[in-house]
Each structure stands twice: as structure tokens, then as C-alpha cells.
N, C-alpha and C. Protein backbone atom coordinates (compact mmCIF):
# COMPACT_ATOMS: atom_id res chain seq x y z
N MET A 1 93.42 102.19 77.29
CA MET A 1 94.52 102.49 78.19
C MET A 1 95.74 101.65 77.84
N LYS A 2 96.91 102.25 78.05
CA LYS A 2 98.16 101.51 77.89
C LYS A 2 98.82 101.38 79.26
N ILE A 3 99.27 100.17 79.56
CA ILE A 3 99.78 99.85 80.89
C ILE A 3 101.20 99.32 80.81
N LEU A 4 102.04 99.74 81.75
CA LEU A 4 103.37 99.16 81.90
C LEU A 4 103.35 98.25 83.12
N LEU A 5 103.58 96.96 82.90
CA LEU A 5 103.57 95.96 83.97
C LEU A 5 104.99 95.54 84.28
N THR A 6 105.38 95.62 85.56
CA THR A 6 106.70 95.17 85.98
C THR A 6 106.54 94.08 87.03
N GLU A 7 106.86 92.86 86.64
CA GLU A 7 106.68 91.69 87.49
C GLU A 7 107.76 90.67 87.12
N ASP A 8 108.56 90.22 88.12
CA ASP A 8 109.68 89.32 87.81
C ASP A 8 109.26 87.88 87.59
N ASN A 9 108.07 87.52 88.05
CA ASN A 9 107.56 86.17 87.80
C ASN A 9 107.00 86.15 86.38
N GLU A 10 107.77 85.55 85.46
CA GLU A 10 107.41 85.63 84.04
C GLU A 10 106.07 84.98 83.74
N LYS A 11 105.77 83.87 84.39
CA LYS A 11 104.51 83.18 84.15
C LYS A 11 103.34 84.05 84.61
N LEU A 12 103.47 84.66 85.80
CA LEU A 12 102.42 85.54 86.30
C LEU A 12 102.27 86.76 85.41
N ALA A 13 103.41 87.32 85.00
CA ALA A 13 103.38 88.52 84.15
C ALA A 13 102.66 88.26 82.84
N GLN A 14 102.97 87.11 82.22
CA GLN A 14 102.32 86.79 80.95
C GLN A 14 100.83 86.51 81.14
N GLY A 15 100.47 85.93 82.27
CA GLY A 15 99.06 85.70 82.57
C GLY A 15 98.30 87.00 82.73
N ILE A 16 98.90 87.95 83.46
CA ILE A 16 98.27 89.26 83.65
C ILE A 16 98.17 89.99 82.31
N LYS A 17 99.26 89.95 81.55
CA LYS A 17 99.27 90.63 80.24
C LYS A 17 98.17 90.08 79.33
N LYS A 18 98.08 88.76 79.24
CA LYS A 18 97.08 88.14 78.38
C LYS A 18 95.67 88.53 78.82
N GLY A 19 95.43 88.48 80.14
CA GLY A 19 94.11 88.83 80.66
C GLY A 19 93.74 90.28 80.39
N LEU A 20 94.69 91.19 80.59
CA LEU A 20 94.42 92.61 80.37
C LEU A 20 94.21 92.91 78.89
N GLU A 21 94.96 92.24 78.04
CA GLU A 21 94.77 92.45 76.59
C GLU A 21 93.40 91.97 76.15
N GLN A 22 92.90 90.92 76.78
CA GLN A 22 91.55 90.45 76.46
C GLN A 22 90.50 91.44 76.94
N GLU A 23 90.86 92.28 77.90
CA GLU A 23 89.97 93.34 78.38
C GLU A 23 90.09 94.60 77.54
N GLY A 24 91.01 94.58 76.57
CA GLY A 24 91.14 95.73 75.67
C GLY A 24 92.28 96.67 75.98
N PHE A 25 93.12 96.34 76.98
CA PHE A 25 94.25 97.18 77.32
C PHE A 25 95.48 96.79 76.48
N ALA A 26 96.37 97.74 76.24
CA ALA A 26 97.67 97.45 75.66
C ALA A 26 98.67 97.35 76.81
N VAL A 27 99.51 96.33 76.82
CA VAL A 27 100.38 96.06 77.98
C VAL A 27 101.81 95.79 77.53
N ASP A 28 102.76 96.53 78.12
CA ASP A 28 104.18 96.26 77.96
C ASP A 28 104.69 95.64 79.26
N VAL A 29 105.58 94.66 79.16
CA VAL A 29 106.04 93.93 80.34
C VAL A 29 107.55 94.07 80.53
N PHE A 30 107.94 94.32 81.80
CA PHE A 30 109.34 94.29 82.20
C PHE A 30 109.46 93.39 83.41
N HIS A 31 110.64 92.76 83.56
CA HIS A 31 110.86 91.85 84.68
C HIS A 31 111.92 92.38 85.65
N ASP A 32 112.51 93.51 85.33
CA ASP A 32 113.58 94.11 86.14
C ASP A 32 113.19 95.54 86.52
N GLY A 33 113.32 95.86 87.79
CA GLY A 33 112.90 97.18 88.27
C GLY A 33 113.67 98.33 87.66
N LEU A 34 114.98 98.19 87.54
CA LEU A 34 115.81 99.27 87.00
C LEU A 34 115.50 99.50 85.52
N GLU A 35 115.35 98.42 84.76
CA GLU A 35 115.02 98.55 83.34
C GLU A 35 113.66 99.21 83.16
N SER A 36 112.72 98.83 84.01
CA SER A 36 111.38 99.40 83.94
C SER A 36 111.41 100.90 84.23
N GLU A 37 112.18 101.28 85.26
CA GLU A 37 112.27 102.70 85.60
C GLU A 37 112.89 103.50 84.46
N ARG A 38 113.95 102.98 83.87
CA ARG A 38 114.60 103.69 82.76
C ARG A 38 113.65 103.86 81.59
N HIS A 39 112.87 102.82 81.30
CA HIS A 39 111.90 102.90 80.21
C HIS A 39 110.81 103.93 80.53
N MET A 40 110.35 103.94 81.77
CA MET A 40 109.30 104.88 82.16
C MET A 40 109.82 106.31 82.13
N ASP A 41 111.07 106.51 82.50
CA ASP A 41 111.68 107.85 82.45
C ASP A 41 111.53 108.46 81.06
N LEU A 42 111.74 107.64 80.05
CA LEU A 42 111.76 108.13 78.67
C LEU A 42 110.39 108.10 78.01
N ASN A 43 109.49 107.25 78.50
CA ASN A 43 108.24 107.02 77.77
C ASN A 43 106.98 107.19 78.61
N TRP A 44 107.07 107.89 79.73
CA TRP A 44 105.93 107.96 80.65
C TRP A 44 104.68 108.55 80.01
N LYS A 45 104.83 109.41 79.02
CA LYS A 45 103.66 110.01 78.38
C LYS A 45 102.85 108.99 77.59
N ASN A 46 103.46 107.84 77.29
CA ASN A 46 102.76 106.81 76.52
C ASN A 46 101.90 105.89 77.39
N TYR A 47 102.00 106.02 78.73
CA TYR A 47 101.31 105.10 79.62
C TYR A 47 100.26 105.79 80.47
N ASP A 48 99.14 105.08 80.65
CA ASP A 48 98.05 105.58 81.49
C ASP A 48 98.14 105.04 82.91
N LEU A 49 98.90 103.94 83.09
CA LEU A 49 98.97 103.31 84.41
C LEU A 49 100.15 102.37 84.46
N MET A 50 100.69 102.16 85.67
CA MET A 50 101.80 101.24 85.88
C MET A 50 101.43 100.25 86.98
N ILE A 51 101.67 98.98 86.71
CA ILE A 51 101.50 97.93 87.71
C ILE A 51 102.90 97.48 88.11
N LEU A 52 103.22 97.59 89.39
CA LEU A 52 104.60 97.47 89.84
C LEU A 52 104.72 96.51 91.02
N ASP A 53 105.41 95.42 90.81
CA ASP A 53 105.67 94.48 91.91
C ASP A 53 106.71 95.10 92.86
N ILE A 54 106.66 94.76 94.13
CA ILE A 54 107.61 95.31 95.09
C ILE A 54 108.95 94.58 95.03
N MET A 55 108.90 93.25 95.04
CA MET A 55 110.13 92.46 95.05
C MET A 55 110.61 92.24 93.62
N LEU A 56 111.62 93.00 93.20
CA LEU A 56 112.12 92.95 91.83
C LEU A 56 113.64 92.90 91.80
N PRO A 57 114.23 92.25 90.81
CA PRO A 57 115.68 92.35 90.62
C PRO A 57 116.03 93.71 90.05
N GLY A 58 117.27 94.11 90.21
CA GLY A 58 117.70 95.40 89.67
C GLY A 58 117.40 96.55 90.61
N LYS A 59 116.12 96.74 90.94
CA LYS A 59 115.70 97.79 91.85
C LYS A 59 114.30 97.46 92.34
N ASP A 60 114.08 97.53 93.65
CA ASP A 60 112.78 97.12 94.18
C ASP A 60 111.69 98.14 93.80
N GLY A 61 110.45 97.67 93.84
CA GLY A 61 109.33 98.49 93.40
C GLY A 61 109.13 99.76 94.19
N VAL A 62 109.34 99.71 95.49
CA VAL A 62 109.18 100.92 96.31
C VAL A 62 110.17 101.99 95.89
N SER A 63 111.41 101.59 95.65
CA SER A 63 112.44 102.55 95.22
C SER A 63 112.13 103.11 93.84
N VAL A 64 111.62 102.25 92.95
CA VAL A 64 111.25 102.71 91.61
C VAL A 64 110.13 103.75 91.72
N CYS A 65 109.14 103.45 92.53
CA CYS A 65 108.01 104.36 92.71
C CYS A 65 108.48 105.70 93.27
N LEU A 66 109.31 105.65 94.30
CA LEU A 66 109.84 106.89 94.88
C LEU A 66 110.60 107.72 93.86
N SER A 67 111.43 107.06 93.07
CA SER A 67 112.25 107.73 92.07
C SER A 67 111.38 108.41 91.01
N LEU A 68 110.34 107.71 90.55
CA LEU A 68 109.45 108.29 89.54
C LEU A 68 108.71 109.51 90.08
N ARG A 69 108.25 109.41 91.32
CA ARG A 69 107.52 110.54 91.91
C ARG A 69 108.45 111.73 92.13
N GLU A 70 109.71 111.47 92.49
CA GLU A 70 110.67 112.57 92.66
C GLU A 70 110.93 113.30 91.34
N LYS A 71 110.72 112.59 90.23
CA LYS A 71 110.90 113.20 88.90
C LYS A 71 109.58 113.79 88.38
N ASN A 72 108.58 113.85 89.26
CA ASN A 72 107.27 114.38 88.91
C ASN A 72 106.57 113.58 87.82
N ILE A 73 106.87 112.30 87.75
CA ILE A 73 106.14 111.39 86.87
C ILE A 73 104.97 110.85 87.69
N MET A 74 103.77 111.34 87.41
CA MET A 74 102.62 111.06 88.27
C MET A 74 101.67 110.02 87.69
N THR A 75 102.14 109.22 86.77
CA THR A 75 101.33 108.13 86.23
C THR A 75 100.81 107.26 87.37
N PRO A 76 99.51 106.94 87.42
CA PRO A 76 98.99 106.10 88.50
C PRO A 76 99.73 104.78 88.60
N ILE A 77 100.00 104.36 89.84
CA ILE A 77 100.75 103.12 90.08
C ILE A 77 99.96 102.22 91.03
N ILE A 78 99.78 100.97 90.60
CA ILE A 78 99.24 99.93 91.48
C ILE A 78 100.39 99.02 91.86
N MET A 79 100.65 98.87 93.14
CA MET A 79 101.74 98.03 93.60
C MET A 79 101.23 96.63 93.93
N LEU A 80 102.03 95.63 93.57
CA LEU A 80 101.72 94.25 93.89
C LEU A 80 102.68 93.78 94.98
N THR A 81 102.15 93.12 95.99
CA THR A 81 103.00 92.68 97.09
C THR A 81 102.51 91.35 97.65
N ALA A 82 103.46 90.54 98.09
CA ALA A 82 103.11 89.29 98.75
C ALA A 82 102.97 89.50 100.25
N LYS A 83 103.29 90.70 100.71
CA LYS A 83 103.24 91.02 102.14
C LYS A 83 101.93 91.74 102.46
N ASP A 84 101.29 91.32 103.53
CA ASP A 84 99.99 91.89 103.84
C ASP A 84 99.93 92.62 105.18
N THR A 85 101.09 92.99 105.73
CA THR A 85 101.07 93.73 106.99
C THR A 85 100.74 95.19 106.72
N VAL A 86 100.20 95.85 107.71
CA VAL A 86 99.83 97.26 107.57
C VAL A 86 101.03 98.11 107.22
N SER A 87 102.18 97.82 107.86
CA SER A 87 103.38 98.62 107.61
C SER A 87 103.84 98.53 106.16
N ASP A 88 103.71 97.32 105.57
CA ASP A 88 104.10 97.15 104.17
C ASP A 88 103.19 97.95 103.26
N LYS A 89 101.90 97.96 103.56
CA LYS A 89 100.95 98.74 102.76
C LYS A 89 101.26 100.23 102.86
N ILE A 90 101.53 100.68 104.08
CA ILE A 90 101.84 102.10 104.30
C ILE A 90 103.11 102.49 103.56
N THR A 91 104.11 101.61 103.58
CA THR A 91 105.37 101.89 102.88
C THR A 91 105.13 102.12 101.39
N GLY A 92 104.31 101.25 100.77
CA GLY A 92 104.01 101.39 99.35
C GLY A 92 103.25 102.66 99.04
N LEU A 93 102.25 102.98 99.86
CA LEU A 93 101.45 104.18 99.62
C LEU A 93 102.26 105.44 99.89
N ASP A 94 103.11 105.41 100.90
CA ASP A 94 103.95 106.57 101.20
C ASP A 94 104.98 106.82 100.11
N ALA A 95 105.32 105.78 99.38
CA ALA A 95 106.28 105.93 98.27
C ALA A 95 105.65 106.62 97.08
N GLY A 96 104.32 106.74 97.10
CA GLY A 96 103.63 107.42 96.02
C GLY A 96 102.70 106.55 95.21
N ALA A 97 102.53 105.29 95.62
CA ALA A 97 101.61 104.41 94.90
C ALA A 97 100.17 104.87 95.12
N ASP A 98 99.33 104.63 94.14
CA ASP A 98 97.93 105.03 94.24
C ASP A 98 97.06 103.92 94.81
N ASP A 99 97.51 102.69 94.69
CA ASP A 99 96.74 101.55 95.18
C ASP A 99 97.69 100.36 95.31
N TYR A 100 97.23 99.29 95.92
CA TYR A 100 98.04 98.10 96.06
C TYR A 100 97.15 96.87 96.05
N LEU A 101 97.72 95.75 95.67
CA LEU A 101 97.03 94.47 95.69
C LEU A 101 97.94 93.44 96.33
N ILE A 102 97.37 92.59 97.16
CA ILE A 102 98.14 91.55 97.84
C ILE A 102 98.02 90.25 97.06
N LYS A 103 99.16 89.64 96.76
CA LYS A 103 99.16 88.35 96.07
C LYS A 103 98.79 87.23 97.05
N PRO A 104 98.08 86.22 96.58
CA PRO A 104 97.42 86.12 95.26
C PRO A 104 96.15 86.97 95.25
N PHE A 105 95.79 87.46 94.10
CA PHE A 105 94.59 88.29 93.98
C PHE A 105 93.73 87.80 92.83
N ALA A 106 92.47 88.15 92.88
CA ALA A 106 91.55 87.80 91.79
C ALA A 106 91.79 88.76 90.64
N PHE A 107 91.91 88.23 89.44
CA PHE A 107 92.16 89.07 88.27
C PHE A 107 91.07 90.14 88.11
N GLU A 108 89.83 89.76 88.42
CA GLU A 108 88.72 90.71 88.30
C GLU A 108 88.92 91.91 89.21
N GLU A 109 89.55 91.68 90.38
CA GLU A 109 89.80 92.81 91.29
C GLU A 109 90.85 93.75 90.70
N LEU A 110 91.87 93.20 90.05
CA LEU A 110 92.88 94.03 89.42
C LEU A 110 92.24 94.92 88.36
N VAL A 111 91.38 94.35 87.53
CA VAL A 111 90.70 95.13 86.49
C VAL A 111 89.85 96.22 87.12
N ALA A 112 89.15 95.89 88.21
CA ALA A 112 88.31 96.88 88.88
C ALA A 112 89.15 98.03 89.44
N ARG A 113 90.32 97.71 90.00
CA ARG A 113 91.21 98.75 90.53
C ARG A 113 91.71 99.65 89.39
N ILE A 114 92.05 99.04 88.27
CA ILE A 114 92.52 99.81 87.12
C ILE A 114 91.43 100.78 86.65
N ARG A 115 90.22 100.27 86.53
CA ARG A 115 89.12 101.12 86.07
C ARG A 115 88.82 102.23 87.08
N ALA A 116 88.94 101.92 88.36
CA ALA A 116 88.70 102.93 89.39
C ALA A 116 89.71 104.07 89.28
N LEU A 117 90.98 103.72 89.07
CA LEU A 117 92.01 104.75 88.93
C LEU A 117 91.79 105.58 87.67
N SER A 118 91.33 104.93 86.60
CA SER A 118 91.13 105.66 85.34
C SER A 118 89.99 106.65 85.45
N ARG A 119 89.09 106.46 86.43
CA ARG A 119 87.95 107.36 86.59
C ARG A 119 88.25 108.53 87.52
N ARG A 120 89.42 108.54 88.13
CA ARG A 120 89.74 109.64 89.03
C ARG A 120 89.78 110.96 88.27
N PRO A 121 89.27 112.04 88.87
CA PRO A 121 89.19 113.32 88.16
C PRO A 121 90.50 113.80 87.57
N GLN A 122 91.63 113.57 88.27
CA GLN A 122 92.89 114.10 87.77
C GLN A 122 93.33 113.45 86.47
N GLN A 123 92.71 112.30 86.13
CA GLN A 123 93.07 111.68 84.87
C GLN A 123 92.37 112.31 83.68
N ALA A 124 91.25 113.00 83.96
CA ALA A 124 90.52 113.72 82.92
C ALA A 124 90.20 112.83 81.72
N LEU A 125 89.87 111.58 81.98
CA LEU A 125 89.53 110.66 80.90
C LEU A 125 88.05 110.33 80.99
N PRO A 126 87.21 110.91 80.14
CA PRO A 126 85.78 110.62 80.20
C PRO A 126 85.50 109.17 79.86
N VAL A 127 84.49 108.60 80.51
CA VAL A 127 84.13 107.21 80.27
C VAL A 127 83.42 107.07 78.93
N VAL A 128 82.56 108.05 78.59
CA VAL A 128 81.80 108.00 77.34
C VAL A 128 82.29 109.10 76.40
N LEU A 129 82.64 108.70 75.19
CA LEU A 129 83.03 109.64 74.15
C LEU A 129 81.91 109.70 73.12
N LYS A 130 81.50 110.91 72.74
CA LYS A 130 80.36 111.04 71.85
C LYS A 130 80.60 112.10 70.80
N ILE A 131 80.31 111.76 69.55
CA ILE A 131 80.35 112.70 68.44
C ILE A 131 79.04 112.53 67.69
N ASP A 132 78.14 113.50 67.83
CA ASP A 132 76.80 113.39 67.26
C ASP A 132 76.14 112.11 67.77
N SER A 133 75.75 111.21 66.87
CA SER A 133 75.06 109.99 67.31
C SER A 133 76.01 108.81 67.48
N LEU A 134 77.31 109.05 67.26
CA LEU A 134 78.32 108.00 67.47
C LEU A 134 78.78 108.06 68.92
N GLU A 135 78.60 106.97 69.65
CA GLU A 135 78.92 106.95 71.09
C GLU A 135 79.79 105.75 71.42
N LEU A 136 80.90 106.01 72.13
CA LEU A 136 81.83 104.96 72.54
C LEU A 136 81.93 104.95 74.06
N ASN A 137 81.66 103.80 74.66
CA ASN A 137 81.72 103.66 76.11
C ASN A 137 82.95 102.84 76.47
N THR A 138 83.91 103.48 77.16
CA THR A 138 85.18 102.83 77.47
C THR A 138 85.06 101.77 78.56
N THR A 139 84.00 101.84 79.36
CA THR A 139 83.81 100.87 80.43
C THR A 139 83.17 99.59 79.92
N THR A 140 82.09 99.74 79.16
CA THR A 140 81.39 98.56 78.65
C THR A 140 81.98 98.06 77.33
N LYS A 141 82.94 98.82 76.78
CA LYS A 141 83.58 98.47 75.50
C LYS A 141 82.53 98.32 74.38
N THR A 142 81.60 99.26 74.35
CA THR A 142 80.55 99.23 73.32
C THR A 142 80.60 100.50 72.49
N VAL A 143 80.17 100.36 71.23
CA VAL A 143 80.06 101.49 70.31
C VAL A 143 78.67 101.43 69.69
N THR A 144 77.99 102.56 69.66
CA THR A 144 76.66 102.61 69.05
C THR A 144 76.56 103.80 68.11
N VAL A 145 75.71 103.67 67.12
CA VAL A 145 75.34 104.77 66.22
C VAL A 145 73.83 104.85 66.24
N ASN A 146 73.31 105.99 66.69
CA ASN A 146 71.86 106.16 66.86
C ASN A 146 71.28 105.07 67.76
N GLY A 147 72.09 104.63 68.72
CA GLY A 147 71.64 103.61 69.66
C GLY A 147 71.81 102.18 69.18
N ASP A 148 72.16 102.01 67.91
CA ASP A 148 72.34 100.66 67.37
C ASP A 148 73.79 100.21 67.60
N PRO A 149 74.01 99.02 68.12
CA PRO A 149 75.37 98.56 68.42
C PRO A 149 76.20 98.31 67.17
N ILE A 150 77.48 98.67 67.25
CA ILE A 150 78.46 98.40 66.20
C ILE A 150 79.46 97.42 66.78
N LEU A 151 79.62 96.27 66.14
CA LEU A 151 80.51 95.24 66.66
C LEU A 151 81.93 95.47 66.15
N LEU A 152 82.83 95.81 67.06
CA LEU A 152 84.23 96.06 66.72
C LEU A 152 85.13 95.04 67.43
N THR A 153 86.28 94.77 66.83
CA THR A 153 87.29 93.98 67.53
C THR A 153 87.94 94.89 68.57
N LEU A 154 88.71 94.30 69.48
CA LEU A 154 89.37 95.10 70.51
C LEU A 154 90.34 96.12 69.90
N ARG A 155 91.06 95.71 68.84
CA ARG A 155 91.99 96.64 68.19
C ARG A 155 91.24 97.77 67.52
N GLU A 156 90.16 97.45 66.83
CA GLU A 156 89.35 98.49 66.19
C GLU A 156 88.79 99.44 67.23
N PHE A 157 88.33 98.89 68.34
CA PHE A 157 87.82 99.73 69.42
C PHE A 157 88.91 100.65 69.95
N GLY A 158 90.12 100.09 70.15
CA GLY A 158 91.23 100.89 70.67
C GLY A 158 91.61 102.02 69.73
N ILE A 159 91.61 101.74 68.43
CA ILE A 159 91.94 102.78 67.44
C ILE A 159 90.89 103.87 67.45
N LEU A 160 89.61 103.47 67.44
CA LEU A 160 88.53 104.47 67.44
C LEU A 160 88.58 105.32 68.71
N GLU A 161 88.82 104.68 69.85
CA GLU A 161 88.92 105.44 71.10
C GLU A 161 90.05 106.46 71.03
N PHE A 162 91.21 106.03 70.53
CA PHE A 162 92.36 106.93 70.44
C PHE A 162 92.05 108.11 69.52
N LEU A 163 91.41 107.83 68.38
CA LEU A 163 91.06 108.91 67.45
C LEU A 163 90.02 109.86 68.04
N MET A 164 89.04 109.31 68.75
CA MET A 164 87.99 110.15 69.34
C MET A 164 88.51 110.97 70.51
N ARG A 165 89.60 110.49 71.15
CA ARG A 165 90.20 111.29 72.23
C ARG A 165 91.09 112.40 71.66
N HIS A 166 91.35 112.35 70.36
CA HIS A 166 92.17 113.39 69.71
C HIS A 166 91.44 113.92 68.48
N PRO A 167 90.22 114.45 68.66
CA PRO A 167 89.44 114.90 67.51
C PRO A 167 90.12 116.06 66.78
N ASN A 168 90.01 116.02 65.45
CA ASN A 168 90.56 117.07 64.58
C ASN A 168 92.08 117.16 64.61
N GLN A 169 92.73 116.16 65.22
CA GLN A 169 94.19 116.15 65.26
C GLN A 169 94.73 115.07 64.32
N VAL A 170 95.83 115.38 63.66
CA VAL A 170 96.48 114.37 62.82
C VAL A 170 97.30 113.45 63.72
N VAL A 171 97.02 112.16 63.64
CA VAL A 171 97.78 111.17 64.42
C VAL A 171 98.47 110.23 63.44
N THR A 172 99.71 109.92 63.70
CA THR A 172 100.48 109.07 62.80
C THR A 172 100.20 107.60 63.07
N ARG A 173 100.59 106.75 62.14
CA ARG A 173 100.46 105.31 62.36
C ARG A 173 101.28 104.87 63.57
N GLU A 174 102.45 105.50 63.74
CA GLU A 174 103.32 105.16 64.87
C GLU A 174 102.64 105.51 66.19
N GLN A 175 101.93 106.64 66.24
CA GLN A 175 101.23 107.02 67.47
C GLN A 175 100.13 106.02 67.79
N ILE A 176 99.40 105.61 66.76
CA ILE A 176 98.34 104.63 66.98
C ILE A 176 98.92 103.31 67.48
N MET A 177 99.99 102.84 66.84
CA MET A 177 100.59 101.57 67.25
C MET A 177 101.17 101.65 68.66
N THR A 178 101.76 102.80 69.00
CA THR A 178 102.34 102.97 70.33
C THR A 178 101.27 102.92 71.41
N ASN A 179 100.09 103.43 71.11
CA ASN A 179 99.04 103.53 72.13
C ASN A 179 98.06 102.36 72.13
N VAL A 180 97.98 101.62 71.04
CA VAL A 180 97.00 100.54 70.96
C VAL A 180 97.67 99.16 71.00
N TRP A 181 98.92 99.08 70.56
CA TRP A 181 99.67 97.82 70.60
C TRP A 181 100.75 97.91 71.69
N ASP A 182 101.39 96.79 72.01
CA ASP A 182 102.52 96.85 72.93
C ASP A 182 103.79 97.18 72.15
N HIS A 183 104.93 97.30 72.85
CA HIS A 183 106.14 97.81 72.19
C HIS A 183 106.82 96.78 71.30
N SER A 184 106.26 95.56 71.18
CA SER A 184 106.85 94.54 70.33
C SER A 184 106.27 94.56 68.91
N PHE A 185 105.45 95.58 68.59
CA PHE A 185 104.83 95.61 67.27
C PHE A 185 105.86 95.81 66.17
N ASP A 186 105.48 95.41 64.95
CA ASP A 186 106.31 95.60 63.77
C ASP A 186 105.94 96.92 63.13
N SER A 187 106.80 97.92 63.25
CA SER A 187 106.49 99.27 62.78
C SER A 187 106.39 99.35 61.26
N PHE A 188 106.82 98.32 60.55
CA PHE A 188 106.76 98.33 59.09
C PHE A 188 105.52 97.59 58.57
N SER A 189 104.71 97.10 59.49
CA SER A 189 103.52 96.37 59.10
C SER A 189 102.42 97.32 58.66
N ASN A 190 101.50 96.83 57.82
CA ASN A 190 100.36 97.65 57.40
C ASN A 190 99.12 97.34 58.24
N VAL A 191 99.36 96.78 59.43
CA VAL A 191 98.25 96.34 60.28
C VAL A 191 97.31 97.50 60.63
N VAL A 192 97.83 98.70 60.84
CA VAL A 192 96.97 99.84 61.16
C VAL A 192 96.05 100.15 59.99
N ASP A 193 96.59 100.16 58.77
CA ASP A 193 95.78 100.45 57.59
C ASP A 193 94.64 99.45 57.43
N VAL A 194 94.94 98.18 57.70
CA VAL A 194 93.91 97.14 57.58
C VAL A 194 92.79 97.38 58.59
N HIS A 195 93.17 97.69 59.84
CA HIS A 195 92.16 97.93 60.87
C HIS A 195 91.35 99.19 60.57
N ILE A 196 92.00 100.22 60.06
CA ILE A 196 91.30 101.46 59.71
C ILE A 196 90.27 101.18 58.61
N LYS A 197 90.66 100.39 57.61
CA LYS A 197 89.75 100.04 56.52
C LYS A 197 88.51 99.33 57.06
N ASN A 198 88.72 98.36 57.96
CA ASN A 198 87.60 97.63 58.55
C ASN A 198 86.75 98.53 59.42
N LEU A 199 87.41 99.44 60.14
CA LEU A 199 86.69 100.37 61.02
C LEU A 199 85.77 101.28 60.20
N ARG A 200 86.29 101.80 59.10
CA ARG A 200 85.48 102.64 58.22
C ARG A 200 84.22 101.91 57.75
N ARG A 201 84.41 100.67 57.37
CA ARG A 201 83.28 99.89 56.87
C ARG A 201 82.21 99.70 57.93
N LYS A 202 82.63 99.59 59.18
CA LYS A 202 81.68 99.29 60.25
C LYS A 202 80.95 100.52 60.79
N ILE A 203 81.59 101.69 60.76
CA ILE A 203 80.95 102.87 61.36
C ILE A 203 80.05 103.60 60.37
N GLY A 204 79.93 103.07 59.16
CA GLY A 204 78.94 103.55 58.21
C GLY A 204 79.03 105.03 57.91
N HIS A 205 77.98 105.77 58.27
CA HIS A 205 77.87 107.20 57.97
C HIS A 205 79.10 107.99 58.41
N TYR A 206 79.73 107.56 59.50
CA TYR A 206 80.85 108.32 60.06
C TYR A 206 82.19 108.01 59.40
N GLU A 207 82.17 107.15 58.36
CA GLU A 207 83.43 106.86 57.67
C GLU A 207 84.02 108.12 57.05
N LYS A 208 83.15 109.06 56.68
CA LYS A 208 83.64 110.31 56.09
C LYS A 208 84.41 111.16 57.09
N ASN A 209 84.18 110.92 58.40
CA ASN A 209 84.90 111.66 59.44
C ASN A 209 86.31 111.14 59.66
N LEU A 210 86.56 109.91 59.21
CA LEU A 210 87.87 109.29 59.41
C LEU A 210 88.71 109.52 58.15
N GLU A 211 89.52 110.55 58.19
CA GLU A 211 90.28 110.96 57.02
C GLU A 211 91.67 110.31 57.01
N THR A 212 92.13 110.00 55.81
CA THR A 212 93.51 109.56 55.62
C THR A 212 94.30 110.70 55.00
N LEU A 213 95.39 111.09 55.63
CA LEU A 213 96.24 112.14 55.09
C LEU A 213 97.53 111.48 54.62
N ARG A 214 97.66 111.36 53.33
CA ARG A 214 98.77 110.61 52.73
C ARG A 214 100.13 111.10 53.24
N GLY A 215 100.93 110.17 53.71
CA GLY A 215 102.25 110.49 54.20
C GLY A 215 102.27 111.07 55.60
N MET A 216 101.08 111.26 56.21
CA MET A 216 101.01 111.87 57.54
C MET A 216 100.34 110.95 58.56
N GLY A 217 99.15 110.45 58.23
CA GLY A 217 98.44 109.60 59.18
C GLY A 217 96.94 109.71 59.01
N TYR A 218 96.23 109.84 60.14
CA TYR A 218 94.77 109.87 60.10
C TYR A 218 94.26 111.02 60.97
N ARG A 219 93.00 111.40 60.68
CA ARG A 219 92.36 112.44 61.48
C ARG A 219 90.86 112.13 61.57
N PHE A 220 90.33 112.21 62.78
CA PHE A 220 88.89 112.02 62.97
C PHE A 220 88.29 113.39 63.20
N THR A 221 87.53 113.88 62.24
CA THR A 221 86.98 115.24 62.30
C THR A 221 85.61 115.24 62.93
N ILE A 222 85.31 116.35 63.59
CA ILE A 222 83.98 116.52 64.20
C ILE A 222 83.39 117.85 63.75
């Protein structure tokens, strides 16, 4: 999953980003509500979820949420708030948020809320991806072949998941970087090629399914 986090407390934002990346998510961070909304307007298809603080400079989180929903941008939104009154919760949910968390919160609860939203039927994102005997579980972050575990790094796992979610489709290096890395990546780096090479080596028999199309990108065939 790729997440857009909007939180004006830079220390908290970096802490959340670091924690989520260790869980295997790709995270982009904004500290201003208006800038975040403008970015989401143009790039909403690249994100699976948005974490949005209510108290923000530029434009408050409730207004950002309302604006996105009015534009039919239905990306799931978890709102963060320091206010715990019922009316504040209702205001956030009425604005179109899917869930909310009251600060301070346990990081484990945030991850659980994210996973719960990703399992909702409207997201149409299966938890287990399977091609013959190759099985990838997005919840446990495990990959097996014939039941035997394959040890992948988080980046390798993210690339394989992205390819398995787009079987028989040509995906470019830019698409992989956009969905597996945050927006600060170096687009001229060969980091994707290096990870693909390592991934091929680890998935053994299925390396033949991971095709390189020169000048175009990659394709995982089934």
C-alpha cells in the first residue's frame, strides 16, 4: 500500500513514516493541508489511503476531506485529532472520513486501522495473491513456493506484490518506483533493476515469469 500522510508536527510525521515503512508501506509526507490537497487532486490514483490531521496550516483536515469527497476522490481517509468529544468525531466522519484516531495513539492501533480499511470490500484488494504454487500474503508479509518460505526484503516484497496485482501487464520502472517508494526517489537510479535481479534469484522456478522488456519495463506472466 502507498499512503499519503499529512501532519504538521514534523517529528510525529517522521516517526509515523518510519514506522509504516518498517511495516512495508510506502509513505509520502506533507505538513500543509492545502499542499496536500493539491497533491492528492493530481495523484490520487497513486494512493491506497490517506492519513490526515485535523489541525493543519494552509487548510484544516476537515475542509480538505470535504473538498476531496466533493471531487469524488474516495481514497480511504483516517483522520487524526487531539479532540476526543463526540461532536468532533461526528464532524470528521460527516466530512467523509472513514475512520479516526485520537492523539496520542498506539502505533499498533494505527496499523490495525489501516489494515482494516484495506480489507473493506470496496477496495477489492485480496489479502492473498497466488499464482500456481507461488503465494504472497499481504497481511503476514510472507511469500512461499510450494509452502516453503522465501525470504524477501520489504522492497522486494513490495515489487513482487505490485507485479502480482498486475499480472500479464507491462509496468514501467517509474510505476514501480511510484508505488513502492516515496516521492523523493531518484528516478535515474538503477535501484529497481537491482531489486528485480535479487527477486528473480530468490523466487527460483518463477524467475521465468518475471520478464524484462527492454526499453519498456517488466511483466509478470501467469
